[in-house]
Amino acid sequence: MSKAKAIKILGICPRTLERWTGVAQVIPEYRLILVRMNTFAQEKNLRSPPITPYQVWVVGKIGELFGDIAQGIDKKALVEAIVEANKSEYTRTKFEQEQLVFTSNALGETQNVG
């Protein structure tokens, strides 16, 4: 999808997307996909690289962290430290698991919590 669509989905401005994606780059899997999307954009002569649903999910999770921190604190540094310490919470596998739960719940299926 385009960055414009990601901005609309997340309900943020382009500058906020830029700040949050900067933090997301501490996640190895996110960085790998970013490199792939940049390469794709260059090969196809696109103005900007597309952004994947996984990347939007990561950025949204990072945005939640920004929202949880009180004013007057260096939010970016704190969020980067939190994300760095919890990289395993931002994997593609976690994204896919969350999507399965969301899809199942949307379809009205009961989830067994174990």
C-alpha atoms as a PDB file:
ATOM      1  CA  MET A   1       0.000   0.000   0.000  1.00  0.00           C
ATOM      2  CA  SER A   2       1.057   3.618  -0.281  1.00  0.00           C
ATOM      3  CA  LYS A   3       2.325   5.728   2.593  1.00  0.00           C
ATOM      4  CA  ALA A   4      -0.742   7.935   2.116  1.00  0.00           C
ATOM      5  CA  LYS A   5      -3.005   4.949   2.772  1.00  0.00           C
ATOM      6  CA  ALA A   6      -0.946   3.933   5.808  1.00  0.00           C
ATOM      7  CA  ILE A   7      -1.235   7.487   7.162  1.00  0.00           C
ATOM      8  CA  LYS A   8      -5.001   7.360   6.689  1.00  0.00           C
ATOM      9  CA  ILE A   9      -5.301   3.941   8.371  1.00  0.00           C
ATOM     10  CA  LEU A  10      -3.219   5.068  11.346  1.00  0.00           C
ATOM     11  CA  GLY A  11      -4.881   8.487  11.550  1.00  0.00           C
ATOM     12  CA  ILE A  12      -1.588  10.366  11.737  1.00  0.00           C
ATOM     13  CA  CYS A  13       0.274  13.035   9.802  1.00  0.00           C
ATOM     14  CA  PRO A  14       3.235  12.306   7.486  1.00  0.00           C
ATOM     15  CA  ARG A  15       5.734  13.716   9.992  1.00  0.00           C
ATOM     16  CA  THR A  16       4.459  11.376  12.700  1.00  0.00           C
ATOM     17  CA  LEU A  17       4.738   8.419  10.312  1.00  0.00           C
ATOM     18  CA  GLU A  18       8.327   9.419   9.619  1.00  0.00           C
ATOM     19  CA  ARG A  19       9.150   9.617  13.339  1.00  0.00           C
ATOM     20  CA  TRP A  20       7.483   6.280  14.156  1.00  0.00           C
ATOM     21  CA  THR A  21       9.082   4.471  11.196  1.00  0.00           C
ATOM     22  CA  GLY A  22      12.442   5.794  12.374  1.00  0.00           C
ATOM     23  CA  VAL A  23      11.898   3.983  15.666  1.00  0.00           C
ATOM     24  CA  ALA A  24      10.679   0.849  13.841  1.00  0.00           C
ATOM     25  CA  GLN A  25      14.042   0.499  12.148  1.00  0.00           C
ATOM     26  CA  VAL A  26      15.555  -0.924  15.344  1.00  0.00           C
ATOM     27  CA  ILE A  27      13.546  -4.088  14.538  1.00  0.00           C
ATOM     28  CA  PRO A  28      15.611  -6.348  12.249  1.00  0.00           C
ATOM     29  CA  GLU A  29      12.604  -7.848  10.451  1.00  0.00           C
ATOM     30  CA  TYR A  30      11.151  -4.407   9.794  1.00  0.00           C
ATOM     31  CA  ARG A  31      14.502  -3.176   8.428  1.00  0.00           C
ATOM     32  CA  LEU A  32      14.749  -6.186   6.109  1.00  0.00           C
ATOM     33  CA  ILE A  33      11.305  -5.521   4.644  1.00  0.00           C
ATOM     34  CA  LEU A  34      12.143  -1.827   4.331  1.00  0.00           C
ATOM     35  CA  VAL A  35      15.235  -2.690   2.276  1.00  0.00           C
ATOM     36  CA  ARG A  36      13.173  -5.018   0.082  1.00  0.00           C
ATOM     37  CA  MET A  37      10.489  -2.383  -0.489  1.00  0.00           C
ATOM     38  CA  ASN A  38      13.117   0.260  -1.319  1.00  0.00           C
ATOM     39  CA  THR A  39      14.728  -2.108  -3.837  1.00  0.00           C
ATOM     40  CA  PHE A  40      11.317  -2.880  -5.337  1.00  0.00           C
ATOM     41  CA  ALA A  41      10.541   0.828  -5.660  1.00  0.00           C
ATOM     42  CA  GLN A  42      13.848   1.469  -7.422  1.00  0.00           C
ATOM     43  CA  GLU A  43      13.350  -1.443  -9.810  1.00  0.00           C
ATOM     44  CA  LYS A  44       9.841  -0.270 -10.699  1.00  0.00           C
ATOM     45  CA  ASN A  45      10.736   3.441 -10.774  1.00  0.00           C
ATOM     46  CA  LEU A  46       8.215   4.263  -8.052  1.00  0.00           C
ATOM     47  CA  ARG A  47       8.294   7.648  -6.333  1.00  0.00           C
ATOM     48  CA  SER A  48       8.307   6.016  -2.918  1.00  0.00           C
ATOM     49  CA  PRO A  49       8.424   2.443  -1.666  1.00  0.00           C
ATOM     50  CA  PRO A  50       5.159   0.736  -0.763  1.00  0.00           C
ATOM     51  CA  ILE A  51       4.498  -0.125   2.868  1.00  0.00           C
ATOM     52  CA  THR A  52       3.302  -3.596   3.849  1.00  0.00           C
ATOM     53  CA  PRO A  53       0.497  -4.414   6.289  1.00  0.00           C
ATOM     54  CA  TYR A  54       3.156  -5.819   8.645  1.00  0.00           C
ATOM     55  CA  GLN A  55       4.992  -2.481   8.605  1.00  0.00           C
ATOM     56  CA  VAL A  56       1.754  -0.592   9.300  1.00  0.00           C
ATOM     57  CA  TRP A  57       1.089  -2.938  12.239  1.00  0.00           C
ATOM     58  CA  VAL A  58       4.578  -2.314  13.667  1.00  0.00           C
ATOM     59  CA  VAL A  59       4.230   1.442  13.276  1.00  0.00           C
ATOM     60  CA  GLY A  60       0.796   1.309  14.924  1.00  0.00           C
ATOM     61  CA  LYS A  61       2.231  -0.620  17.881  1.00  0.00           C
ATOM     62  CA  ILE A  62       4.989   1.957  18.209  1.00  0.00           C
ATOM     63  CA  GLY A  63       2.370   4.705  18.079  1.00  0.00           C
ATOM     64  CA  GLU A  64       0.567   3.067  20.998  1.00  0.00           C
ATOM     65  CA  LEU A  65       3.782   3.315  23.015  1.00  0.00           C
ATOM     66  CA  PHE A  66       4.143   7.002  22.147  1.00  0.00           C
ATOM     67  CA  GLY A  67       0.569   7.558  23.312  1.00  0.00           C
ATOM     68  CA  ASP A  68       1.186   5.805  26.636  1.00  0.00           C
ATOM     69  CA  ILE A  69       4.058   8.087  27.667  1.00  0.00           C
ATOM     70  CA  ALA A  70       3.355  11.279  29.580  1.00  0.00           C
ATOM     71  CA  GLN A  71       4.197  14.702  28.180  1.00  0.00           C
ATOM     72  CA  GLY A  72       7.519  16.229  29.179  1.00  0.00           C
ATOM     73  CA  ILE A  73       9.548  13.059  28.616  1.00  0.00           C
ATOM     74  CA  ASP A  74      11.808  12.385  25.620  1.00  0.00           C
ATOM     75  CA  LYS A  75       9.296  10.004  24.073  1.00  0.00           C
ATOM     76  CA  LYS A  76      11.367   8.939  21.074  1.00  0.00           C
ATOM     77  CA  ALA A  77      14.352   7.814  23.152  1.00  0.00           C
ATOM     78  CA  LEU A  78      12.128   5.965  25.623  1.00  0.00           C
ATOM     79  CA  VAL A  79      10.073   4.254  22.902  1.00  0.00           C
ATOM     80  CA  GLU A  80      13.262   3.231  21.063  1.00  0.00           C
ATOM     81  CA  ALA A  81      14.582   1.676  24.286  1.00  0.00           C
ATOM     82  CA  ILE A  82      11.305  -0.176  24.877  1.00  0.00           C
ATOM     83  CA  VAL A  83      11.162  -1.488  21.294  1.00  0.00           C
ATOM     84  CA  GLU A  84      14.864  -2.430  21.371  1.00  0.00           C
ATOM     85  CA  ALA A  85      14.330  -4.424  24.571  1.00  0.00           C
ATOM     86  CA  ASN A  86      11.212  -6.147  23.204  1.00  0.00           C
ATOM     87  CA  LYS A  87      12.069  -6.826  19.544  1.00  0.00           C
ATOM     88  CA  SER A  88      10.453 -10.263  19.755  1.00  0.00           C
ATOM     89  CA  GLU A  89       7.058  -8.568  20.209  1.00  0.00           C
ATOM     90  CA  TYR A  90       7.308  -6.992  16.742  1.00  0.00           C
ATOM     91  CA  THR A  91       7.952 -10.004  14.528  1.00  0.00           C
ATOM     92  CA  ARG A  92       6.044 -10.985  11.447  1.00  0.00           C
ATOM     93  CA  THR A  93       4.957 -14.129  13.305  1.00  0.00           C
ATOM     94  CA  LYS A  94       3.357 -11.996  16.058  1.00  0.00           C
ATOM     95  CA  PHE A  95       1.663  -9.908  13.365  1.00  0.00           C
ATOM     96  CA  GLU A  96       0.256 -13.025  11.685  1.00  0.00           C
ATOM     97  CA  GLN A  97      -0.934 -14.450  15.021  1.00  0.00           C
ATOM     98  CA  GLU A  98      -2.728 -11.212  15.846  1.00  0.00           C
ATOM     99  CA  GLN A  99      -4.313 -11.145  12.397  1.00  0.00           C
ATOM    100  CA  LEU A 100      -5.589 -14.709  12.851  1.00  0.00           C
ATOM    101  CA  VAL A 101      -7.149 -13.821  16.203  1.00  0.00           C
ATOM    102  CA  PHE A 102      -8.703 -10.675  14.736  1.00  0.00           C
ATOM    103  CA  THR A 103     -10.054 -12.555  11.708  1.00  0.00           C
ATOM    104  CA  SER A 104     -11.432 -15.372  13.851  1.00  0.00           C
ATOM    105  CA  ASN A 105     -13.117 -12.912  16.214  1.00  0.00           C
ATOM    106  CA  ALA A 106     -14.527 -10.955  13.285  1.00  0.00           C
ATOM    107  CA  LEU A 107     -16.037 -14.166  11.959  1.00  0.00           C
ATOM    108  CA  GLY A 108     -17.611 -14.873  15.340  1.00  0.00           C
ATOM    109  CA  GLU A 109     -15.505 -17.903  16.176  1.00  0.00           C
ATOM    110  CA  THR A 110     -14.759 -18.627  19.819  1.00  0.00           C
ATOM    111  CA  GLN A 111     -11.107 -18.489  20.790  1.00  0.00           C
ATOM    112  CA  ASN A 112      -9.794 -21.055  23.255  1.00  0.00           C
ATOM    113  CA  VAL A 113      -7.393 -19.384  25.599  1.00  0.00           C
ATOM    114  CA  GLY A 114      -4.840 -21.854  26.889  1.00  0.00           C
END
